[in-house]
PDB file of N, CA and C in Angstrom:
ATOM      1  N   UNK A   1       6.803  22.709   7.298  1.00  0.00           N
ATOM      2  CA  UNK A   1       6.718  21.410   7.490  1.00  0.00           C
ATOM      3  C   UNK A   1       7.110  20.628   5.910  1.00  0.00           C
ATOM      4  N   UNK A   2       7.944  19.472   6.056  1.00  0.00           N
ATOM      5  CA  UNK A   2       7.846  18.922   4.605  1.00  0.00           C
ATOM      6  C   UNK A   2       6.486  18.201   4.402  1.00  0.00           C
ATOM      7  N   UNK A   3       6.491  17.658   3.485  1.00  0.00           N
ATOM      8  CA  UNK A   3       5.582  16.972   2.545  1.00  0.00           C
ATOM      9  C   UNK A   3       5.596  15.423   2.117  1.00  0.00           C
ATOM     10  N   UNK A   4       5.183  14.488   2.303  1.00  0.00           N
ATOM     11  CA  UNK A   4       5.322  12.629   2.269  1.00  0.00           C
ATOM     12  C   UNK A   4       3.978  12.788   0.993  1.00  0.00           C
ATOM     13  N   UNK A   5       4.602  12.173   0.512  1.00  0.00           N
ATOM     14  CA  UNK A   5       3.398  11.338  -0.502  1.00  0.00           C
ATOM     15  C   UNK A   5       3.451  10.147  -0.352  1.00  0.00           C
ATOM     16  N   UNK A   6       2.120   9.357  -0.757  1.00  0.00           N
ATOM     17  CA  UNK A   6       2.024   8.009   0.062  1.00  0.00           C
ATOM     18  C   UNK A   6       1.573   6.905  -1.719  1.00  0.00           C
ATOM     19  N   UNK A   7       2.601   6.638  -2.241  1.00  0.00           N
ATOM     20  CA  UNK A   7       2.150   5.884  -3.870  1.00  0.00           C
ATOM     21  C   UNK A   7       2.114   4.838  -3.548  1.00  0.00           C
ATOM     22  N   UNK A   8       1.022   3.960  -4.021  1.00  0.00           N
ATOM     23  CA  UNK A   8       0.593   2.633  -3.984  1.00  0.00           C
ATOM     24  C   UNK A   8       0.626   1.879  -5.132  1.00  0.00           C
ATOM     25  N   UNK A   9       1.323   0.616  -5.315  1.00  0.00           N
ATOM     26  CA  UNK A   9       1.574   0.121  -6.188  1.00  0.00           C
ATOM     27  C   UNK A   9       0.673  -1.161  -5.912  1.00  0.00           C
ATOM     28  N   UNK A  10      -0.464  -2.019  -7.068  1.00  0.00           N
ATOM     29  CA  UNK A  10      -0.839  -2.851  -6.850  1.00  0.00           C
ATOM     30  C   UNK A  10      -1.456  -3.463  -7.836  1.00  0.00           C
ATOM     31  N   UNK A  11      -0.629  -3.943  -8.920  1.00  0.00           N
ATOM     32  CA  UNK A  11      -0.712  -3.971 -10.501  1.00  0.00           C
ATOM     33  C   UNK A  11      -0.867  -2.923 -10.936  1.00  0.00           C
ATOM     34  N   UNK A  12      -1.387  -1.716 -10.768  1.00  0.00           N
ATOM     35  CA  UNK A  12      -1.566  -0.158 -11.033  1.00  0.00           C
ATOM     36  C   UNK A  12      -0.844   0.938 -10.113  1.00  0.00           C
ATOM     37  N   UNK A  13      -0.562   1.467 -10.886  1.00  0.00           N
ATOM     38  CA  UNK A  13       0.234   2.706  -9.643  1.00  0.00           C
ATOM     39  C   UNK A  13      -0.956   3.463  -9.892  1.00  0.00           C
ATOM     40  N   UNK A  14      -1.296   3.902  -8.335  1.00  0.00           N
ATOM     41  CA  UNK A  14      -1.770   4.685  -8.377  1.00  0.00           C
ATOM     42  C   UNK A  14      -0.971   6.121  -6.975  1.00  0.00           C
ATOM     43  N   UNK A  15      -0.895   7.159  -7.915  1.00  0.00           N
ATOM     44  CA  UNK A  15       0.526   7.871  -7.397  1.00  0.00           C
ATOM     45  C   UNK A  15      -0.478   9.203  -6.556  1.00  0.00           C
ATOM     46  N   UNK A  16       0.102   9.449  -5.212  1.00  0.00           N
ATOM     47  CA  UNK A  16      -0.362  10.152  -4.405  1.00  0.00           C
ATOM     48  C   UNK A  16       0.251  11.795  -4.740  1.00  0.00           C
ATOM     49  N   UNK A  17      -0.190  12.156  -5.622  1.00  0.00           N
ATOM     50  CA  UNK A  17       0.007  13.949  -6.441  1.00  0.00           C
ATOM     51  C   UNK A  17       0.156  15.018  -4.904  1.00  0.00           C
ATOM     52  N   UNK A  18      -0.777  14.713  -4.169  1.00  0.00           N
ATOM     53  CA  UNK A  18      -0.829  15.715  -3.551  1.00  0.00           C
ATOM     54  C   UNK A  18      -0.453  16.125  -2.469  1.00  0.00           C
ATOM     55  N   UNK A  19       0.436  14.512  -1.991  1.00  0.00           N
ATOM     56  CA  UNK A  19       0.739  14.624  -0.699  1.00  0.00           C
ATOM     57  C   UNK A  19       0.351  14.739   0.818  1.00  0.00           C
ATOM     58  N   UNK A  20       0.869  14.702   1.865  1.00  0.00           N
ATOM     59  CA  UNK A  20       0.537  15.339   3.350  1.00  0.00           C
ATOM     60  C   UNK A  20       1.800  15.895   4.275  1.00  0.00           C
ATOM     61  N   UNK A  21       1.037  16.817   4.565  1.00  0.00           N
ATOM     62  CA  UNK A  21       2.135  17.379   4.745  1.00  0.00           C
ATOM     63  C   UNK A  21       2.504  16.847   6.609  1.00  0.00           C
ATOM     64  N   UNK A  22       3.582  16.651   6.773  1.00  0.00           N
ATOM     65  CA  UNK A  22       3.766  16.335   8.293  1.00  0.00           C
ATOM     66  C   UNK A  22       5.307  16.575   9.206  1.00  0.00           C
ATOM     67  N   UNK A  23       4.669  16.636  10.092  1.00  0.00           N
ATOM     68  CA  UNK A  23       6.002  16.989  10.924  1.00  0.00           C
ATOM     69  C   UNK A  23       7.815  15.885  10.168  1.00  0.00           C
ATOM     70  N   UNK A  24       7.600  15.456  10.674  1.00  0.00           N
ATOM     71  CA  UNK A  24       8.933  14.435   9.771  1.00  0.00           C
ATOM     72  C   UNK A  24       8.631  13.059   9.424  1.00  0.00           C
ATOM     73  N   UNK A  25       9.752  12.473   9.160  1.00  0.00           N
ATOM     74  CA  UNK A  25       9.779  11.158   8.367  1.00  0.00           C
ATOM     75  C   UNK A  25       9.226   9.613   9.390  1.00  0.00           C
ATOM     76  N   UNK A  26       9.519  10.189  11.026  1.00  0.00           N
ATOM     77  CA  UNK A  26       8.907   9.625  11.656  1.00  0.00           C
ATOM     78  C   UNK A  26       7.435   9.419  11.675  1.00  0.00           C
ATOM     79  N   UNK A  27       6.915  10.761  11.933  1.00  0.00           N
ATOM     80  CA  UNK A  27       5.596  11.018  11.635  1.00  0.00           C
ATOM     81  C   UNK A  27       4.434  10.066  10.650  1.00  0.00           C
ATOM     82  N   UNK A  28       5.618  10.357   9.363  1.00  0.00           N
ATOM     83  CA  UNK A  28       5.449  10.114   7.800  1.00  0.00           C
ATOM     84  C   UNK A  28       5.207   8.381   7.920  1.00  0.00           C
ATOM     85  N   UNK A  29       6.087   7.730   8.839  1.00  0.00           N
ATOM     86  CA  UNK A  29       6.466   6.273   8.811  1.00  0.00           C
ATOM     87  C   UNK A  29       5.047   5.364   9.717  1.00  0.00           C
ATOM     88  N   UNK A  30       4.501   6.240  10.657  1.00  0.00           N
ATOM     89  CA  UNK A  30       3.431   6.117  11.446  1.00  0.00           C
ATOM     90  C   UNK A  30       2.264   5.956  10.083  1.00  0.00           C
ATOM     91  N   UNK A  31       2.211   6.969   9.815  1.00  0.00           N
ATOM     92  CA  UNK A  31       0.921   7.055   9.352  1.00  0.00           C
ATOM     93  C   UNK A  31       0.737   6.185   7.729  1.00  0.00           C
ATOM     94  N   UNK A  32       1.897   5.571   7.377  1.00  0.00           N
ATOM     95  CA  UNK A  32       1.556   5.166   6.441  1.00  0.00           C
ATOM     96  C   UNK A  32       1.112   3.697   7.042  1.00  0.00           C
ATOM     97  N   UNK A  33       1.808   3.147   8.076  1.00  0.00           N
ATOM     98  CA  UNK A  33       0.983   2.072   9.054  1.00  0.00           C
ATOM     99  C   UNK A  33      -0.358   1.880   8.864  1.00  0.00           C
ATOM    100  N   UNK A  34      -0.682   3.443   9.413  1.00  0.00           N
ATOM    101  CA  UNK A  34      -2.157   3.419   9.537  1.00  0.00           C
ATOM    102  C   UNK A  34      -2.865   3.454   8.402  1.00  0.00           C
ATOM    103  N   UNK A  35      -2.684   4.001   7.414  1.00  0.00           N
ATOM    104  CA  UNK A  35      -2.411   3.611   6.066  1.00  0.00           C
ATOM    105  C   UNK A  35      -2.476   2.543   5.269  1.00  0.00           C
ATOM    106  N   UNK A  36      -1.593   1.378   5.477  1.00  0.00           N
ATOM    107  CA  UNK A  36      -1.529   0.785   5.065  1.00  0.00           C
ATOM    108  C   UNK A  36      -2.520  -0.777   5.536  1.00  0.00           C
ATOM    109  N   UNK A  37      -2.888  -0.212   7.007  1.00  0.00           N
ATOM    110  CA  UNK A  37      -3.953  -1.095   7.586  1.00  0.00           C
ATOM    111  C   UNK A  37      -5.054  -1.279   6.944  1.00  0.00           C
ATOM    112  N   UNK A  38      -5.507  -0.125   6.851  1.00  0.00           N
ATOM    113  CA  UNK A  38      -6.797   0.512   6.504  1.00  0.00           C
ATOM    114  C   UNK A  38      -7.184   0.250   4.722  1.00  0.00           C
ATOM    115  N   UNK A  39      -5.525   0.217   3.863  1.00  0.00           N
ATOM    116  CA  UNK A  39      -5.932  -1.085   2.817  1.00  0.00           C
ATOM    117  C   UNK A  39      -6.523  -2.286   2.769  1.00  0.00           C
ATOM    118  N   UNK A  40      -5.792  -2.639   3.574  1.00  0.00           N
ATOM    119  CA  UNK A  40      -5.818  -4.425   4.149  1.00  0.00           C
ATOM    120  C   UNK A  40      -7.325  -4.030   4.982  1.00  0.00           C
ATOM    121  N   UNK A  41      -7.496  -3.898   5.555  1.00  0.00           N
ATOM    122  CA  UNK A  41      -9.198  -3.640   6.238  1.00  0.00           C
ATOM    123  C   UNK A  41     -10.144  -3.619   5.098  1.00  0.00           C
ATOM    124  N   UNK A  42      -9.956  -2.330   4.654  1.00  0.00           N
ATOM    125  CA  UNK A  42     -11.422  -2.122   3.919  1.00  0.00           C
ATOM    126  C   UNK A  42     -11.196  -2.511   2.554  1.00  0.00           C
ATOM    127  N   UNK A  43     -10.061  -3.033   1.895  1.00  0.00           N
ATOM    128  CA  UNK A  43      -9.803  -2.763   0.529  1.00  0.00           C
ATOM    129  C   UNK A  43      -9.116  -4.428   0.447  1.00  0.00           C
ATOM    130  N   UNK A  44      -9.663  -5.357   0.808  1.00  0.00           N
ATOM    131  CA  UNK A  44      -8.979  -6.926   0.459  1.00  0.00           C
ATOM    132  C   UNK A  44      -8.953  -7.442  -0.439  1.00  0.00           C
ATOM    133  N   UNK A  45     -10.254  -6.993  -0.782  1.00  0.00           N
ATOM    134  CA  UNK A  45     -10.261  -8.026  -2.286  1.00  0.00           C
ATOM    135  C   UNK A  45      -9.710  -7.588  -2.960  1.00  0.00           C
ATOM    136  N   UNK A  46      -8.906  -6.075  -3.445  1.00  0.00           N
ATOM    137  CA  UNK A  46      -8.311  -5.499  -4.389  1.00  0.00           C
ATOM    138  C   UNK A  46      -6.909  -5.733  -3.764  1.00  0.00           C
ATOM    139  N   UNK A  47      -6.729  -5.691  -2.944  1.00  0.00           N
ATOM    140  CA  UNK A  47      -5.553  -6.436  -2.469  1.00  0.00           C
ATOM    141  C   UNK A  47      -4.726  -8.208  -2.791  1.00  0.00           C
ATOM    142  N   UNK A  48      -5.917  -8.930  -2.540  1.00  0.00           N
ATOM    143  CA  UNK A  48      -6.002 -10.469  -3.226  1.00  0.00           C
ATOM    144  C   UNK A  48      -6.145 -10.663  -4.314  1.00  0.00           C
ATOM    145  N   UNK A  49      -6.443 -10.041  -5.536  1.00  0.00           N
ATOM    146  CA  UNK A  49      -6.688 -10.247  -6.830  1.00  0.00           C
ATOM    147  C   UNK A  49      -5.476 -10.072  -7.719  1.00  0.00           C
ATOM    148  N   UNK A  50      -4.615  -8.975  -6.685  1.00  0.00           N
ATOM    149  CA  UNK A  50      -3.558  -8.402  -7.457  1.00  0.00           C
ATOM    150  C   UNK A  50      -2.090  -9.259  -6.569  1.00  0.00           C
ATOM    151  N   UNK A  51      -2.459 -10.082  -5.517  1.00  0.00           N
ATOM    152  CA  UNK A  51      -1.509 -11.204  -5.345  1.00  0.00           C
ATOM    153  C   UNK A  51      -0.390 -10.466  -4.662  1.00  0.00           C
ATOM    154  N   UNK A  52      -0.762  -9.057  -4.136  1.00  0.00           N
ATOM    155  CA  UNK A  52      -0.056  -8.204  -3.306  1.00  0.00           C
ATOM    156  C   UNK A  52      -0.279  -6.734  -3.456  1.00  0.00           C
ATOM    157  N   UNK A  53       0.589  -6.146  -2.957  1.00  0.00           N
ATOM    158  CA  UNK A  53       0.436  -4.779  -3.248  1.00  0.00           C
ATOM    159  C   UNK A  53       1.945  -4.049  -2.604  1.00  0.00           C
ATOM    160  N   UNK A  54       2.311  -2.812  -2.948  1.00  0.00           N
ATOM    161  CA  UNK A  54       3.532  -1.576  -2.069  1.00  0.00           C
ATOM    162  C   UNK A  54       3.056  -0.750  -2.229  1.00  0.00           C
ATOM    163  N   UNK A  55       3.494   0.137  -0.800  1.00  0.00           N
ATOM    164  CA  UNK A  55       2.861   1.182  -0.375  1.00  0.00           C
ATOM    165  C   UNK A  55       4.591   2.217  -0.072  1.00  0.00           C
ATOM    166  N   UNK A  56       4.817   2.922  -1.337  1.00  0.00           N
ATOM    167  CA  UNK A  56       6.016   4.365  -1.119  1.00  0.00           C
ATOM    168  C   UNK A  56       5.683   4.643  -0.741  1.00  0.00           C
ATOM    169  N   UNK A  57       7.005   5.916   0.168  1.00  0.00           N
ATOM    170  CA  UNK A  57       6.614   6.794   0.953  1.00  0.00           C
ATOM    171  C   UNK A  57       7.696   7.409   0.408  1.00  0.00           C
ATOM    172  N   UNK A  58       7.324   8.539  -0.467  1.00  0.00           N
ATOM    173  CA  UNK A  58       8.575   9.602  -1.188  1.00  0.00           C
ATOM    174  C   UNK A  58       8.302  10.970  -0.139  1.00  0.00           C
ATOM    175  N   UNK A  59       9.578  12.074  -0.305  1.00  0.00           N
ATOM    176  CA  UNK A  59       9.194  13.293  -0.063  1.00  0.00           C
ATOM    177  C   UNK A  59       9.200  13.852  -1.219  1.00  0.00           C
ATOM    178  N   UNK A  60       8.765  15.191  -1.137  1.00  0.00           N
ATOM    179  CA  UNK A  60       8.475  16.106  -2.215  1.00  0.00           C
ATOM    180  C   UNK A  60       8.960  16.239  -3.507  1.00  0.00           C
ATOM    181  N   UNK A  61      10.690  15.895  -3.392  1.00  0.00           N
ATOM    182  CA  UNK A  61      11.169  15.814  -4.354  1.00  0.00           C
ATOM    183  C   UNK A  61      11.280  14.270  -5.103  1.00  0.00           C
ATOM    184  N   UNK A  62      10.550  13.398  -4.649  1.00  0.00           N
ATOM    185  CA  UNK A  62      10.528  12.059  -5.155  1.00  0.00           C
ATOM    186  C   UNK A  62      11.014  10.711  -4.335  1.00  0.00           C
ATOM    187  N   UNK A  63      11.943  11.394  -3.884  1.00  0.00           N
ATOM    188  CA  UNK A  63      13.445  10.390  -3.155  1.00  0.00           C
ATOM    189  C   UNK A  63      12.330   9.772  -2.291  1.00  0.00           C
ATOM    190  N   UNK A  64      12.462   7.904  -2.756  1.00  0.00           N
ATOM    191  CA  UNK A  64      12.054   7.424  -1.928  1.00  0.00           C
ATOM    192  C   UNK A  64      12.543   6.952  -0.436  1.00  0.00           C
ATOM    193  N   UNK A  65      11.959   7.089   0.399  1.00  0.00           N
ATOM    194  CA  UNK A  65      12.212   6.777   1.862  1.00  0.00           C
ATOM    195  C   UNK A  65      12.145   5.870   2.473  1.00  0.00           C
ATOM    196  N   UNK A  66      11.033   5.108   2.306  1.00  0.00           N
ATOM    197  CA  UNK A  66      11.011   3.957   2.703  1.00  0.00           C
ATOM    198  C   UNK A  66       9.615   3.308   1.514  1.00  0.00           C
ATOM    199  N   UNK A  67       9.457   2.351   1.674  1.00  0.00           N
ATOM    200  CA  UNK A  67       8.356   0.808   0.948  1.00  0.00           C
ATOM    201  C   UNK A  67       7.807   0.054   2.330  1.00  0.00           C
ATOM    202  N   UNK A  68       6.906  -0.627   1.743  1.00  0.00           N
ATOM    203  CA  UNK A  68       6.492  -1.707   2.976  1.00  0.00           C
ATOM    204  C   UNK A  68       5.188  -2.235   1.614  1.00  0.00           C
ATOM    205  N   UNK A  69       5.665  -3.790   1.901  1.00  0.00           N
ATOM    206  CA  UNK A  69       4.390  -4.462   1.037  1.00  0.00           C
ATOM    207  C   UNK A  69       4.091  -5.439   1.824  1.00  0.00           C
ATOM    208  N   UNK A  70       3.008  -6.425   1.004  1.00  0.00           N
ATOM    209  CA  UNK A  70       2.263  -7.139   1.319  1.00  0.00           C
ATOM    210  C   UNK A  70       1.757  -8.292   0.627  1.00  0.00           C
ATOM    211  N   UNK A  71       2.577  -9.298   0.345  1.00  0.00           N
ATOM    212  CA  UNK A  71       2.716 -10.502  -0.427  1.00  0.00           C
ATOM    213  C   UNK A  71       1.921 -11.635  -0.484  1.00  0.00           C
ATOM    214  N   UNK A  72       0.951 -11.537  -0.991  1.00  0.00           N
ATOM    215  CA  UNK A  72      -0.417 -12.800  -0.765  1.00  0.00           C
ATOM    216  C   UNK A  72       0.347 -14.043  -1.859  1.00  0.00           C
ATOM    217  N   UNK A  73       0.844 -15.562  -1.061  1.00  0.00           N
ATOM    218  CA  UNK A  73       1.229 -15.890  -1.746  1.00  0.00           C
ATOM    219  C   UNK A  73       0.408 -17.729  -1.749  1.00  0.00           C
ATOM    220  N   UNK A  74      -0.062 -18.276  -3.059  1.00  0.00           N
ATOM    221  CA  UNK A  74      -0.573 -19.113  -2.733  1.00  0.00           C
ATOM    222  C   UNK A  74      -2.003 -19.027  -3.169  1.00  0.00           C
ATOM    223  N   UNK A  75      -2.586 -17.594  -3.227  1.00  0.00           N
ATOM    224  CA  UNK A  75      -3.596 -17.148  -3.383  1.00  0.00           C
ATOM    225  C   UNK A  75      -4.613 -17.893  -4.150  1.00  0.00           C
ATOM    226  N   UNK A  76      -3.960 -18.078  -5.443  1.00  0.00           N
ATOM    227  CA  UNK A  76      -4.673 -19.001  -6.942  1.00  0.00           C
ATOM    228  C   UNK A  76      -4.811 -19.793  -6.363  1.00  0.00           C
ATOM    229  N   UNK A  77      -4.152 -20.691  -5.789  1.00  0.00           N
ATOM    230  CA  UNK A  77      -4.815 -22.129  -5.618  1.00  0.00           C
ATOM    231  C   UNK A  77      -5.448 -22.377  -4.624  1.00  0.00           C
ATOM    232  N   UNK A  78      -5.639 -21.286  -3.638  1.00  0.00           N
ATOM    233  CA  UNK A  78      -6.953 -21.159  -2.603  1.00  0.00           C
ATOM    234  C   UNK A  78      -8.356 -21.015  -3.380  1.00  0.00           C
ATOM    235  N   UNK A  79      -8.383 -20.242  -4.504  1.00  0.00           N
ATOM    236  CA  UNK A  79      -9.116 -19.652  -5.040  1.00  0.00           C
ATOM    237  C   UNK A  79      -9.957 -20.900  -5.839  1.00  0.00           C
ATOM    238  N   UNK A  80      -8.853 -21.946  -6.349  1.00  0.00           N
ATOM    239  CA  UNK A  80      -9.573 -22.853  -7.738  1.00  0.00           C
ATOM    240  C   UNK A  80      -9.799 -23.959  -6.772  1.00  0.00           C
ATOM    241  N   UNK A  81      -9.910 -24.028  -5.051  1.00  0.00           N
ATOM    242  CA  UNK A  81     -10.598 -25.053  -4.440  1.00  0.00           C
ATOM    243  C   UNK A  81     -11.408 -25.273  -4.108  1.00  0.00           C
ATOM    244  N   UNK A  82     -12.166 -26.701  -4.217  1.00  0.00           N
ATOM    245  CA  UNK A  82     -13.691 -26.766  -4.293  1.00  0.00           C
ATOM    246  C   UNK A  82     -14.672 -25.716  -3.147  1.00  0.00           C
ATOM    247  N   UNK A  83     -15.516 -25.525  -3.235  1.00  0.00           N
ATOM    248  CA  UNK A  83     -15.947 -24.865  -1.836  1.00  0.00           C
ATOM    249  C   UNK A  83     -15.512 -23.585  -1.446  1.00  0.00           C
ATOM    250  N   UNK A  84     -14.909 -22.607  -2.413  1.00  0.00           N
ATOM    251  CA  UNK A  84     -14.241 -21.194  -1.999  1.00  0.00           C
ATOM    252  C   UNK A  84     -14.961 -20.713  -2.592  1.00  0.00           C
ATOM    253  N   UNK A  85     -16.064 -20.579  -3.345  1.00  0.00           N
ATOM    254  CA  UNK A  85     -16.950 -19.350  -3.371  1.00  0.00           C
ATOM    255  C   UNK A  85     -16.500 -19.116  -4.939  1.00  0.00           C
ATOM    256  N   UNK A  86     -15.690 -19.415  -5.685  1.00  0.00           N
ATOM    257  CA  UNK A  86     -15.584 -18.934  -6.736  1.00  0.00           C
ATOM    258  C   UNK A  86     -15.408 -19.508  -7.890  1.00  0.00           C
TER     259      UNK A  86
END
């Protein structure tokens, strides 16, 4: 079975050196969506502080199969508003 790598880019590069063995690219796409949801749920501060992030899925040869991203637009304005806790 093929190995897929889930690389996170959020102002710094966090390569997935080990990867995950999955049945095919469709299963990898569902896994990527779940992983992205976990990042948004569990590490929102990191996502917000960098203005967004991108998840890139590659095969074992390094070929980018697909990517997804989350962009936070206007966050710096919200942080600076009175009462925002900053």
